[in-house]
Amino acid sequence: MTRQRIFSGIQPSGNLHIGNYLGAIQQFVGLQETTDAIFCIVDLHAITVPQDPEELRKKTLEVAMIYLACGIDPKKSIMFVQSHNHDHAELAWILNTLTPLGELERMTQFKEKRQSAEKRRGVLSGLLNYPTLMAADILLYQTDVVPVGEDQKQHVELTRSIAERFNNRFGDTFMLPKEMLNKSAERIMGLDDPSKKMSKSAKSANNYIALLDSPDEILRKIKTAMTDSGSEIRFDKKAKSAVSNLLAVYHAFSKESIKNLENRYAGKGYAEFKKDLGEIIIAKLEPIQNRFRELEKNSDEVMKIIREGAERSGAISQKTLSEVKQKIGLIA
């Protein structure tokens, strides 16, 4: 039976946090055992909003090291940096010539980001064309499945629409990808605001626990995390959204049922509950952080892995791009 191919991209901006780990990276580590997995650090997506050049370079390498530290295995997966494979930008331009402006303007994320961008320095065309670049990322590899969060589902739907339009006009070329929503993982919300999801681009570092936070910082953030009125520790998203979020984090890291956690902390206060939660997170992140520090000392090896990944990705993407260029009439 042919293994399915998955593709996932992550931007090298902000700080990867426990929500990213529980909702995505942990899933990727498992998927590489059963699928042909391609993981891309999408630096071209990152520059659709202004970036500090030195910080972008640093974060790109940091994301690669975090992936490796969490268990992504370059012998089982392909991991590379988007800008190292020029096929992504070339196919994105071709897809731009086939995508109606109205479809891009209707994208929910564009509408949201446009409002904040207009307040700062105006909207750049790269932000509008973000979805066609994402479509190119996916379609280059004849991807079967794209693991995404709910906020990216619309982008995969647009990718499928672009692929269908191309196939109808030029003949079967692209696989029509499907999204994979990780419904088994509890959505992790912000520590400072349980009504909004944990975000690596949050204005306050108290919103998230970064995968590289020190033990003292983790304990501090958990200690100051928002709680609800009263002292009862129970799972009730409506009445006790903040405590429910902390219980979800505890469950995700300990694998202990929510019911058992409620029973264990019955009659106990938030202080003891938070202390234990902080220690669980510290213990689970320790091997990841230790491995990250080892990789930091050997950045040349990490660069070798992502460069080899770019070559391996190119061997796949070039076949797709060559077919596309031949079908639309470009001279090889």
C-alpha atoms as a PDB file:
ATOM      1  CA  MET A   1       0.000   0.000   0.000  1.00  0.00           C
ATOM      2  CA  THR A   2       1.359   3.432  -1.010  1.00  0.00           C
ATOM      3  CA  ARG A   3       2.144   5.701   1.920  1.00  0.00           C
ATOM      4  CA  GLN A   4       0.415   9.052   1.968  1.00  0.00           C
ATOM      5  CA  ARG A   5       2.529  12.186   1.676  1.00  0.00           C
ATOM      6  CA  ILE A   6       2.046  14.987   4.201  1.00  0.00           C
ATOM      7  CA  PHE A   7       3.376  18.533   4.033  1.00  0.00           C
ATOM      8  CA  SER A   8       3.537  21.059   6.844  1.00  0.00           C
ATOM      9  CA  GLY A   9       5.135  24.473   7.076  1.00  0.00           C
ATOM     10  CA  ILE A  10       5.966  26.618  10.090  1.00  0.00           C
ATOM     11  CA  GLN A  11       7.087  30.229  10.136  1.00  0.00           C
ATOM     12  CA  PRO A  12      10.388  31.155  11.817  1.00  0.00           C
ATOM     13  CA  SER A  13       8.891  34.001  13.823  1.00  0.00           C
ATOM     14  CA  GLY A  14       7.933  34.353  17.467  1.00  0.00           C
ATOM     15  CA  ASN A  15       8.648  31.644  20.025  1.00  0.00           C
ATOM     16  CA  LEU A  16       7.477  28.069  19.544  1.00  0.00           C
ATOM     17  CA  HIS A  17       5.445  27.126  22.603  1.00  0.00           C
ATOM     18  CA  ILE A  18       3.722  24.205  24.267  1.00  0.00           C
ATOM     19  CA  GLY A  19       0.580  24.800  22.182  1.00  0.00           C
ATOM     20  CA  ASN A  20       2.640  24.318  18.989  1.00  0.00           C
ATOM     21  CA  TYR A  21       4.188  21.190  20.479  1.00  0.00           C
ATOM     22  CA  LEU A  22       0.974  19.562  21.716  1.00  0.00           C
ATOM     23  CA  GLY A  23      -1.133  20.592  18.734  1.00  0.00           C
ATOM     24  CA  ALA A  24       1.342  19.987  15.903  1.00  0.00           C
ATOM     25  CA  ILE A  25       4.972  18.964  16.468  1.00  0.00           C
ATOM     26  CA  GLN A  26       4.157  15.982  18.681  1.00  0.00           C
ATOM     27  CA  GLN A  27       1.747  14.802  15.975  1.00  0.00           C
ATOM     28  CA  PHE A  28       4.407  15.228  13.271  1.00  0.00           C
ATOM     29  CA  VAL A  29       6.853  13.005  15.138  1.00  0.00           C
ATOM     30  CA  GLY A  30       4.279  10.217  15.022  1.00  0.00           C
ATOM     31  CA  LEU A  31       3.258  10.843  11.409  1.00  0.00           C
ATOM     32  CA  GLN A  32       6.807  10.449  10.116  1.00  0.00           C
ATOM     33  CA  GLU A  33       6.571   6.767  11.059  1.00  0.00           C
ATOM     34  CA  THR A  34       3.549   6.097   8.848  1.00  0.00           C
ATOM     35  CA  THR A  35       3.715   8.699   6.037  1.00  0.00           C
ATOM     36  CA  ASP A  36       6.186  10.343   3.666  1.00  0.00           C
ATOM     37  CA  ALA A  37       6.570  13.518   5.709  1.00  0.00           C
ATOM     38  CA  ILE A  38       7.890  16.856   4.453  1.00  0.00           C
ATOM     39  CA  PHE A  39       8.450  19.657   6.974  1.00  0.00           C
ATOM     40  CA  CYS A  40       9.275  23.128   5.678  1.00  0.00           C
ATOM     41  CA  ILE A  41      10.459  26.198   7.576  1.00  0.00           C
ATOM     42  CA  VAL A  42       8.593  28.838   5.584  1.00  0.00           C
ATOM     43  CA  ASP A  43      10.833  31.874   5.732  1.00  0.00           C
ATOM     44  CA  LEU A  44       9.301  33.354   2.560  1.00  0.00           C
ATOM     45  CA  HIS A  45       5.938  33.402   4.320  1.00  0.00           C
ATOM     46  CA  ALA A  46       7.532  35.135   7.295  1.00  0.00           C
ATOM     47  CA  ILE A  47       8.642  38.116   5.205  1.00  0.00           C
ATOM     48  CA  THR A  48       5.066  38.933   4.134  1.00  0.00           C
ATOM     49  CA  VAL A  49       5.290  41.180   7.193  1.00  0.00           C
ATOM     50  CA  PRO A  50       8.447  43.150   8.079  1.00  0.00           C
ATOM     51  CA  GLN A  51      11.186  41.104   9.805  1.00  0.00           C
ATOM     52  CA  ASP A  52      14.519  41.981  11.351  1.00  0.00           C
ATOM     53  CA  PRO A  53      17.101  40.211   9.106  1.00  0.00           C
ATOM     54  CA  GLU A  54      19.346  38.971  11.911  1.00  0.00           C
ATOM     55  CA  GLU A  55      16.378  37.786  13.965  1.00  0.00           C
ATOM     56  CA  LEU A  56      14.928  35.970  10.945  1.00  0.00           C
ATOM     57  CA  ARG A  57      18.193  34.090  10.368  1.00  0.00           C
ATOM     58  CA  LYS A  58      18.410  33.192  14.053  1.00  0.00           C
ATOM     59  CA  LYS A  59      14.789  32.009  14.275  1.00  0.00           C
ATOM     60  CA  THR A  60      15.066  29.928  11.095  1.00  0.00           C
ATOM     61  CA  LEU A  61      17.919  27.909  12.540  1.00  0.00           C
ATOM     62  CA  GLU A  62      16.201  27.790  15.943  1.00  0.00           C
ATOM     63  CA  VAL A  63      13.036  26.242  14.474  1.00  0.00           C
ATOM     64  CA  ALA A  64      15.130  23.608  12.690  1.00  0.00           C
ATOM     65  CA  MET A  65      16.883  22.724  15.957  1.00  0.00           C
ATOM     66  CA  ILE A  66      13.591  22.587  17.894  1.00  0.00           C
ATOM     67  CA  TYR A  67      12.102  20.228  15.310  1.00  0.00           C
ATOM     68  CA  LEU A  68      15.117  17.953  15.592  1.00  0.00           C
ATOM     69  CA  ALA A  69      15.135  18.186  19.399  1.00  0.00           C
ATOM     70  CA  CYS A  70      11.448  17.213  19.518  1.00  0.00           C
ATOM     71  CA  GLY A  71      12.066  14.087  17.470  1.00  0.00           C
ATOM     72  CA  ILE A  72      11.811  14.953  13.781  1.00  0.00           C
ATOM     73  CA  ASP A  73      14.240  12.500  12.172  1.00  0.00           C
ATOM     74  CA  PRO A  74      15.895  13.564   8.876  1.00  0.00           C
ATOM     75  CA  LYS A  75      16.312   9.876   8.005  1.00  0.00           C
ATOM     76  CA  LYS A  76      12.537   9.429   8.133  1.00  0.00           C
ATOM     77  CA  SER A  77      11.397  12.892   6.968  1.00  0.00           C
ATOM     78  CA  ILE A  78      12.490  15.738   4.732  1.00  0.00           C
ATOM     79  CA  MET A  79      13.116  18.986   6.586  1.00  0.00           C
ATOM     80  CA  PHE A  80      14.281  22.109   4.751  1.00  0.00           C
ATOM     81  CA  VAL A  81      14.072  25.890   4.512  1.00  0.00           C
ATOM     82  CA  GLN A  82      11.583  27.214   1.956  1.00  0.00           C
ATOM     83  CA  SER A  83      13.911  29.790   0.365  1.00  0.00           C
ATOM     84  CA  HIS A  84      16.516  27.063  -0.273  1.00  0.00           C
ATOM     85  CA  ASN A  85      14.196  25.531  -2.888  1.00  0.00           C
ATOM     86  CA  HIS A  86      13.419  28.101  -5.588  1.00  0.00           C
ATOM     87  CA  ASP A  87      10.606  25.971  -7.009  1.00  0.00           C
ATOM     88  CA  HIS A  88       8.292  27.342  -4.303  1.00  0.00           C
ATOM     89  CA  ALA A  89       8.606  30.947  -5.445  1.00  0.00           C
ATOM     90  CA  GLU A  90       8.413  30.031  -9.143  1.00  0.00           C
ATOM     91  CA  LEU A  91       5.247  27.954  -8.841  1.00  0.00           C
ATOM     92  CA  ALA A  92       3.706  30.599  -6.558  1.00  0.00           C
ATOM     93  CA  TRP A  93       4.091  33.181  -9.340  1.00  0.00           C
ATOM     94  CA  ILE A  94       2.483  30.851 -11.883  1.00  0.00           C
ATOM     95  CA  LEU A  95      -0.435  30.167  -9.537  1.00  0.00           C
ATOM     96  CA  ASN A  96      -0.835  33.918  -8.946  1.00  0.00           C
ATOM     97  CA  THR A  97      -1.556  34.322 -12.663  1.00  0.00           C
ATOM     98  CA  LEU A  98      -4.449  31.856 -12.334  1.00  0.00           C
ATOM     99  CA  THR A  99      -5.996  33.018  -9.054  1.00  0.00           C
ATOM    100  CA  PRO A 100      -8.770  35.649  -9.057  1.00  0.00           C
ATOM    101  CA  LEU A 101      -8.057  38.684  -6.880  1.00  0.00           C
ATOM    102  CA  GLY A 102     -11.436  38.368  -5.173  1.00  0.00           C
ATOM    103  CA  GLU A 103     -10.605  34.899  -3.832  1.00  0.00           C
ATOM    104  CA  LEU A 104      -7.486  36.238  -2.121  1.00  0.00           C
ATOM    105  CA  GLU A 105      -9.253  39.280  -0.703  1.00  0.00           C
ATOM    106  CA  ARG A 106     -11.917  37.064   0.873  1.00  0.00           C
ATOM    107  CA  MET A 107      -9.410  35.065   2.917  1.00  0.00           C
ATOM    108  CA  THR A 108     -10.162  35.494   6.620  1.00  0.00           C
ATOM    109  CA  GLN A 109      -6.522  35.746   7.702  1.00  0.00           C
ATOM    110  CA  PHE A 110      -5.833  38.426   5.096  1.00  0.00           C
ATOM    111  CA  LYS A 111      -8.748  40.504   6.380  1.00  0.00           C
ATOM    112  CA  GLU A 112      -7.507  40.200   9.955  1.00  0.00           C
ATOM    113  CA  LYS A 113      -3.848  40.905   9.191  1.00  0.00           C
ATOM    114  CA  ARG A 114      -4.759  43.720   6.821  1.00  0.00           C
ATOM    115  CA  GLN A 115      -6.398  45.676   9.641  1.00  0.00           C
ATOM    116  CA  SER A 116      -3.299  45.524  11.858  1.00  0.00           C
ATOM    117  CA  ALA A 117      -0.942  46.155   8.927  1.00  0.00           C
ATOM    118  CA  GLU A 118      -2.846  49.275   7.861  1.00  0.00           C
ATOM    119  CA  LYS A 119      -2.416  50.707  11.347  1.00  0.00           C
ATOM    120  CA  ARG A 120       1.344  50.211  11.191  1.00  0.00           C
ATOM    121  CA  ARG A 121       2.743  50.842   7.731  1.00  0.00           C
ATOM    122  CA  GLY A 122       0.264  49.740   5.075  1.00  0.00           C
ATOM    123  CA  VAL A 123      -0.569  46.444   3.388  1.00  0.00           C
ATOM    124  CA  LEU A 124       2.098  44.802   1.241  1.00  0.00           C
ATOM    125  CA  SER A 125       1.146  42.678  -1.770  1.00  0.00           C
ATOM    126  CA  GLY A 126       3.014  39.703  -0.311  1.00  0.00           C
ATOM    127  CA  LEU A 127       0.397  39.487   2.434  1.00  0.00           C
ATOM    128  CA  LEU A 128      -2.357  39.222  -0.167  1.00  0.00           C
ATOM    129  CA  ASN A 129      -0.435  36.539  -2.099  1.00  0.00           C
ATOM    130  CA  TYR A 130       0.399  34.480   1.002  1.00  0.00           C
ATOM    131  CA  PRO A 131      -2.250  31.823   0.122  1.00  0.00           C
ATOM    132  CA  THR A 132      -0.892  31.217  -3.390  1.00  0.00           C
ATOM    133  CA  LEU A 133       2.589  30.680  -1.969  1.00  0.00           C
ATOM    134  CA  MET A 134       1.084  28.232   0.521  1.00  0.00           C
ATOM    135  CA  ALA A 135      -0.715  26.516  -2.358  1.00  0.00           C
ATOM    136  CA  ALA A 136       2.603  26.186  -4.199  1.00  0.00           C
ATOM    137  CA  ASP A 137       4.227  24.706  -1.088  1.00  0.00           C
ATOM    138  CA  ILE A 138       1.576  21.998  -0.932  1.00  0.00           C
ATOM    139  CA  LEU A 139       1.010  21.270  -4.631  1.00  0.00           C
ATOM    140  CA  LEU A 140       4.704  20.949  -5.518  1.00  0.00           C
ATOM    141  CA  TYR A 141       4.890  17.660  -3.621  1.00  0.00           C
ATOM    142  CA  GLN A 142       1.625  16.083  -4.806  1.00  0.00           C
ATOM    143  CA  THR A 143       0.603  16.208  -1.164  1.00  0.00           C
ATOM    144  CA  ASP A 144      -2.211  13.946   0.036  1.00  0.00           C
ATOM    145  CA  VAL A 145      -2.770  15.448   3.480  1.00  0.00           C
ATOM    146  CA  VAL A 146      -1.928  18.788   5.137  1.00  0.00           C
ATOM    147  CA  PRO A 147      -1.979  18.836   8.971  1.00  0.00           C
ATOM    148  CA  VAL A 148      -3.330  22.266   9.927  1.00  0.00           C
ATOM    149  CA  GLY A 149      -5.112  24.137  12.654  1.00  0.00           C
ATOM    150  CA  GLU A 150      -8.663  25.376  12.213  1.00  0.00           C
ATOM    151  CA  ASP A 151      -7.341  28.839  11.230  1.00  0.00           C
ATOM    152  CA  GLN A 152      -5.500  27.405   8.205  1.00  0.00           C
ATOM    153  CA  LYS A 153      -8.327  25.208   6.906  1.00  0.00           C
ATOM    154  CA  GLN A 154      -9.525  27.918   4.498  1.00  0.00           C
ATOM    155  CA  HIS A 155      -6.062  28.066   2.918  1.00  0.00           C
ATOM    156  CA  VAL A 156      -6.129  24.348   2.150  1.00  0.00           C
ATOM    157  CA  GLU A 157      -9.586  24.736   0.630  1.00  0.00           C
ATOM    158  CA  LEU A 158      -8.248  27.517  -1.622  1.00  0.00           C
ATOM    159  CA  THR A 159      -5.272  25.309  -2.549  1.00  0.00           C
ATOM    160  CA  ARG A 160      -7.676  22.590  -3.659  1.00  0.00           C
ATOM    161  CA  SER A 161      -9.685  25.145  -5.669  1.00  0.00           C
ATOM    162  CA  ILE A 162      -6.527  26.414  -7.419  1.00  0.00           C
ATOM    163  CA  ALA A 163      -5.465  22.845  -8.201  1.00  0.00           C
ATOM    164  CA  GLU A 164      -8.876  21.989  -9.653  1.00  0.00           C
ATOM    165  CA  ARG A 165      -8.827  25.126 -11.807  1.00  0.00           C
ATOM    166  CA  PHE A 166      -5.385  24.252 -13.181  1.00  0.00           C
ATOM    167  CA  ASN A 167      -6.312  20.601 -13.789  1.00  0.00           C
ATOM    168  CA  ASN A 168      -9.510  21.572 -15.620  1.00  0.00           C
ATOM    169  CA  ARG A 169      -7.648  23.965 -17.893  1.00  0.00           C
ATOM    170  CA  PHE A 170      -4.397  22.099 -18.556  1.00  0.00           C
ATOM    171  CA  GLY A 171      -5.161  18.469 -17.718  1.00  0.00           C
ATOM    172  CA  ASP A 172      -4.599  16.412 -14.568  1.00  0.00           C
ATOM    173  CA  THR A 173      -1.446  17.733 -12.918  1.00  0.00           C
ATOM    174  CA  PHE A 174      -1.960  18.286  -9.204  1.00  0.00           C
ATOM    175  CA  MET A 175      -3.130  15.989  -6.438  1.00  0.00           C
ATOM    176  CA  LEU A 176      -6.084  17.509  -4.584  1.00  0.00           C
ATOM    177  CA  PRO A 177      -4.935  17.752  -0.955  1.00  0.00           C
ATOM    178  CA  LYS A 178      -7.096  17.270   2.121  1.00  0.00           C
ATOM    179  CA  GLU A 179      -6.656  18.980   5.473  1.00  0.00           C
ATOM    180  CA  MET A 180      -5.969  16.987   8.641  1.00  0.00           C
ATOM    181  CA  LEU A 181      -7.289  18.645  11.794  1.00  0.00           C
ATOM    182  CA  ASN A 182      -5.763  17.295  15.003  1.00  0.00           C
ATOM    183  CA  LYS A 183      -9.002  16.886  16.928  1.00  0.00           C
ATOM    184  CA  SER A 184      -7.401  14.635  19.531  1.00  0.00           C
ATOM    185  CA  ALA A 185      -5.330  17.507  20.945  1.00  0.00           C
ATOM    186  CA  GLU A 186      -7.084  19.930  23.281  1.00  0.00           C
ATOM    187  CA  ARG A 187      -6.801  23.476  21.958  1.00  0.00           C
ATOM    188  CA  ILE A 188      -4.373  25.289  24.242  1.00  0.00           C
ATOM    189  CA  MET A 189      -5.448  28.822  25.128  1.00  0.00           C
ATOM    190  CA  GLY A 190      -3.402  31.769  26.367  1.00  0.00           C
ATOM    191  CA  LEU A 191      -2.288  31.730  30.004  1.00  0.00           C
ATOM    192  CA  ASP A 192      -3.162  35.413  30.282  1.00  0.00           C
ATOM    193  CA  ASP A 193      -6.444  35.187  28.351  1.00  0.00           C
ATOM    194  CA  PRO A 194      -8.251  31.835  28.082  1.00  0.00           C
ATOM    195  CA  SER A 195     -10.633  33.255  25.480  1.00  0.00           C
ATOM    196  CA  LYS A 196      -7.847  33.377  22.862  1.00  0.00           C
ATOM    197  CA  LYS A 197      -5.532  30.597  21.766  1.00  0.00           C
ATOM    198  CA  MET A 198      -1.889  30.531  22.847  1.00  0.00           C
ATOM    199  CA  SER A 199       0.110  32.442  20.236  1.00  0.00           C
ATOM    200  CA  LYS A 200       3.827  32.662  19.478  1.00  0.00           C
ATOM    201  CA  SER A 201       3.250  36.209  18.230  1.00  0.00           C
ATOM    202  CA  ALA A 202       1.413  37.343  21.378  1.00  0.00           C
ATOM    203  CA  LYS A 203       2.378  40.781  22.644  1.00  0.00           C
ATOM    204  CA  SER A 204       2.985  39.466  26.157  1.00  0.00           C
ATOM    205  CA  ALA A 205       5.354  36.568  26.905  1.00  0.00           C
ATOM    206  CA  ASN A 206       2.972  35.667  29.743  1.00  0.00           C
ATOM    207  CA  ASN A 207       0.561  34.375  27.082  1.00  0.00           C
ATOM    208  CA  TYR A 208       2.592  31.219  26.402  1.00  0.00           C
ATOM    209  CA  ILE A 209       5.197  28.825  27.728  1.00  0.00           C
ATOM    210  CA  ALA A 210       7.969  28.690  25.155  1.00  0.00           C
ATOM    211  CA  LEU A 211       9.627  25.324  24.556  1.00  0.00           C
ATOM    212  CA  LEU A 212      12.943  26.916  25.521  1.00  0.00           C
ATOM    213  CA  ASP A 213      11.755  28.716  28.680  1.00  0.00           C
ATOM    214  CA  SER A 214      13.875  28.037  31.772  1.00  0.00           C
ATOM    215  CA  PRO A 215      12.383  26.058  34.698  1.00  0.00           C
ATOM    216  CA  ASP A 216      12.155  29.256  36.777  1.00  0.00           C
ATOM    217  CA  GLU A 217      10.368  31.055  33.938  1.00  0.00           C
ATOM    218  CA  ILE A 218       7.917  28.175  33.475  1.00  0.00           C
ATOM    219  CA  LEU A 219       7.060  28.156  37.181  1.00  0.00           C
ATOM    220  CA  ARG A 220       6.633  31.927  37.164  1.00  0.00           C
ATOM    221  CA  LYS A 221       4.312  31.890  34.148  1.00  0.00           C
ATOM    222  CA  ILE A 222       2.173  29.075  35.566  1.00  0.00           C
ATOM    223  CA  LYS A 223       2.046  30.791  38.958  1.00  0.00           C
ATOM    224  CA  THR A 224       0.795  34.030  37.385  1.00  0.00           C
ATOM    225  CA  ALA A 225      -1.535  32.321  34.877  1.00  0.00           C
ATOM    226  CA  MET A 226      -5.119  33.542  35.002  1.00  0.00           C
ATOM    227  CA  THR A 227      -7.556  31.565  37.157  1.00  0.00           C
ATOM    228  CA  ASP A 228     -11.279  31.856  37.798  1.00  0.00           C
ATOM    229  CA  SER A 229     -13.287  33.040  40.782  1.00  0.00           C
ATOM    230  CA  GLY A 230     -13.599  30.481  43.551  1.00  0.00           C
ATOM    231  CA  SER A 231     -11.022  27.817  44.322  1.00  0.00           C
ATOM    232  CA  GLU A 232     -12.599  24.670  42.877  1.00  0.00           C
ATOM    233  CA  ILE A 233     -10.458  22.850  40.333  1.00  0.00           C
ATOM    234  CA  ARG A 234     -12.843  21.386  37.782  1.00  0.00           C
ATOM    235  CA  PHE A 235     -13.217  21.244  34.018  1.00  0.00           C
ATOM    236  CA  ASP A 236     -15.979  23.582  32.868  1.00  0.00           C
ATOM    237  CA  LYS A 237     -15.122  25.675  29.811  1.00  0.00           C
ATOM    238  CA  LYS A 238     -18.012  28.080  30.310  1.00  0.00           C
ATOM    239  CA  ALA A 239     -17.893  28.690  34.056  1.00  0.00           C
ATOM    240  CA  LYS A 240     -14.156  28.094  34.638  1.00  0.00           C
ATOM    241  CA  SER A 241     -12.412  28.638  31.314  1.00  0.00           C
ATOM    242  CA  ALA A 242      -8.997  29.516  32.794  1.00  0.00           C
ATOM    243  CA  VAL A 243      -8.786  26.500  35.103  1.00  0.00           C
ATOM    244  CA  SER A 244     -10.156  24.260  32.325  1.00  0.00           C
ATOM    245  CA  ASN A 245      -7.293  25.418  30.094  1.00  0.00           C
ATOM    246  CA  LEU A 246      -4.711  24.569  32.775  1.00  0.00           C
ATOM    247  CA  LEU A 247      -6.339  21.170  33.290  1.00  0.00           C
ATOM    248  CA  ALA A 248      -6.132  20.541  29.541  1.00  0.00           C
ATOM    249  CA  VAL A 249      -2.396  21.345  29.607  1.00  0.00           C
ATOM    250  CA  TYR A 250      -1.901  19.081  32.634  1.00  0.00           C
ATOM    251  CA  HIS A 251      -3.766  16.232  30.905  1.00  0.00           C
ATOM    252  CA  ALA A 252      -1.805  16.670  27.659  1.00  0.00           C
ATOM    253  CA  PHE A 253       1.576  16.458  29.370  1.00  0.00           C
ATOM    254  CA  SER A 254       0.773  13.846  32.028  1.00  0.00           C
ATOM    255  CA  LYS A 255      -1.697  11.710  30.007  1.00  0.00           C
ATOM    256  CA  GLU A 256      -3.745  11.502  33.218  1.00  0.00           C
ATOM    257  CA  SER A 257      -7.487  11.850  32.677  1.00  0.00           C
ATOM    258  CA  ILE A 258      -9.208  15.135  33.485  1.00  0.00           C
ATOM    259  CA  LYS A 259     -11.472  13.253  35.902  1.00  0.00           C
ATOM    260  CA  ASN A 260      -8.520  11.872  37.867  1.00  0.00           C
ATOM    261  CA  LEU A 261      -6.985  15.347  38.054  1.00  0.00           C
ATOM    262  CA  GLU A 262     -10.244  16.807  39.343  1.00  0.00           C
ATOM    263  CA  ASN A 263     -10.396  14.112  42.036  1.00  0.00           C
ATOM    264  CA  ARG A 264      -6.764  14.550  43.039  1.00  0.00           C
ATOM    265  CA  TYR A 265      -7.106  18.296  43.569  1.00  0.00           C
ATOM    266  CA  ALA A 266     -10.563  18.234  45.144  1.00  0.00           C
ATOM    267  CA  GLY A 267     -10.458  20.506  48.185  1.00  0.00           C
ATOM    268  CA  LYS A 268      -6.981  21.794  47.307  1.00  0.00           C
ATOM    269  CA  GLY A 269      -6.092  25.302  46.207  1.00  0.00           C
ATOM    270  CA  TYR A 270      -4.730  26.752  42.986  1.00  0.00           C
ATOM    271  CA  ALA A 271      -1.207  27.132  44.404  1.00  0.00           C
ATOM    272  CA  GLU A 272      -0.575  23.395  44.813  1.00  0.00           C
ATOM    273  CA  PHE A 273      -2.234  22.595  41.497  1.00  0.00           C
ATOM    274  CA  LYS A 274      -0.126  25.162  39.637  1.00  0.00           C
ATOM    275  CA  LYS A 275       3.102  24.056  41.328  1.00  0.00           C
ATOM    276  CA  ASP A 276       2.538  20.444  40.259  1.00  0.00           C
ATOM    277  CA  LEU A 277       1.570  21.506  36.733  1.00  0.00           C
ATOM    278  CA  GLY A 278       4.721  23.584  36.381  1.00  0.00           C
ATOM    279  CA  GLU A 279       6.895  20.672  37.494  1.00  0.00           C
ATOM    280  CA  ILE A 280       5.216  18.309  35.006  1.00  0.00           C
ATOM    281  CA  ILE A 281       5.889  20.729  32.135  1.00  0.00           C
ATOM    282  CA  ILE A 282       9.509  21.233  33.218  1.00  0.00           C
ATOM    283  CA  ALA A 283      10.098  17.468  33.351  1.00  0.00           C
ATOM    284  CA  LYS A 284       8.589  16.896  29.903  1.00  0.00           C
ATOM    285  CA  LEU A 285      10.498  19.759  28.258  1.00  0.00           C
ATOM    286  CA  GLU A 286      13.863  18.912  29.862  1.00  0.00           C
ATOM    287  CA  PRO A 287      14.966  16.278  27.284  1.00  0.00           C
ATOM    288  CA  ILE A 288      13.904  18.567  24.423  1.00  0.00           C
ATOM    289  CA  GLN A 289      15.874  21.470  25.875  1.00  0.00           C
ATOM    290  CA  ASN A 290      18.930  19.280  26.528  1.00  0.00           C
ATOM    291  CA  ARG A 291      18.895  18.041  22.934  1.00  0.00           C
ATOM    292  CA  PHE A 292      18.447  21.622  21.682  1.00  0.00           C
ATOM    293  CA  ARG A 293      21.546  22.743  23.597  1.00  0.00           C
ATOM    294  CA  GLU A 294      23.536  19.899  22.029  1.00  0.00           C
ATOM    295  CA  LEU A 295      22.417  20.969  18.557  1.00  0.00           C
ATOM    296  CA  GLU A 296      23.316  24.605  19.292  1.00  0.00           C
ATOM    297  CA  LYS A 297      26.925  23.492  19.752  1.00  0.00           C
ATOM    298  CA  ASN A 298      26.853  21.773  16.362  1.00  0.00           C
ATOM    299  CA  SER A 299      25.039  24.236  14.106  1.00  0.00           C
ATOM    300  CA  ASP A 300      27.106  23.101  11.103  1.00  0.00           C
ATOM    301  CA  GLU A 301      25.454  19.689  11.335  1.00  0.00           C
ATOM    302  CA  VAL A 302      22.018  21.324  11.470  1.00  0.00           C
ATOM    303  CA  MET A 303      22.845  23.367   8.359  1.00  0.00           C
ATOM    304  CA  LYS A 304      23.946  20.182   6.615  1.00  0.00           C
ATOM    305  CA  ILE A 305      20.599  18.539   7.450  1.00  0.00           C
ATOM    306  CA  ILE A 306      18.484  21.402   6.078  1.00  0.00           C
ATOM    307  CA  ARG A 307      20.643  21.749   2.942  1.00  0.00           C
ATOM    308  CA  GLU A 308      20.350  18.034   2.248  1.00  0.00           C
ATOM    309  CA  GLY A 309      16.629  18.400   2.905  1.00  0.00           C
ATOM    310  CA  ALA A 310      16.434  21.122   0.244  1.00  0.00           C
ATOM    311  CA  GLU A 311      18.126  18.835  -2.283  1.00  0.00           C
ATOM    312  CA  ARG A 312      15.760  15.976  -1.470  1.00  0.00           C
ATOM    313  CA  SER A 313      12.726  18.259  -1.668  1.00  0.00           C
ATOM    314  CA  GLY A 314      13.948  19.632  -4.985  1.00  0.00           C
ATOM    315  CA  ALA A 315      14.149  16.160  -6.486  1.00  0.00           C
ATOM    316  CA  ILE A 316      10.386  15.879  -5.920  1.00  0.00           C
ATOM    317  CA  SER A 317       9.271  19.450  -6.606  1.00  0.00           C
ATOM    318  CA  GLN A 318      11.234  19.809  -9.841  1.00  0.00           C
ATOM    319  CA  LYS A 319       9.194  17.036 -11.472  1.00  0.00           C
ATOM    320  CA  THR A 320       5.950  18.857 -10.681  1.00  0.00           C
ATOM    321  CA  LEU A 321       7.251  22.277 -11.735  1.00  0.00           C
ATOM    322  CA  SER A 322       8.652  20.942 -15.031  1.00  0.00           C
ATOM    323  CA  GLU A 323       5.272  19.429 -15.878  1.00  0.00           C
ATOM    324  CA  VAL A 324       3.479  22.671 -14.989  1.00  0.00           C
ATOM    325  CA  LYS A 325       5.807  24.790 -17.139  1.00  0.00           C
ATOM    326  CA  GLN A 326       5.478  22.437 -20.099  1.00  0.00           C
ATOM    327  CA  LYS A 327       1.666  22.457 -19.872  1.00  0.00           C
ATOM    328  CA  ILE A 328       1.307  26.264 -19.702  1.00  0.00           C
ATOM    329  CA  GLY A 329       3.654  26.757 -22.669  1.00  0.00           C
ATOM    330  CA  LEU A 330       6.985  27.823 -21.147  1.00  0.00           C
ATOM    331  CA  ILE A 331      10.105  26.718 -23.050  1.00  0.00           C
ATOM    332  CA  ALA A 332      12.266  24.316 -21.008  1.00  0.00           C
END
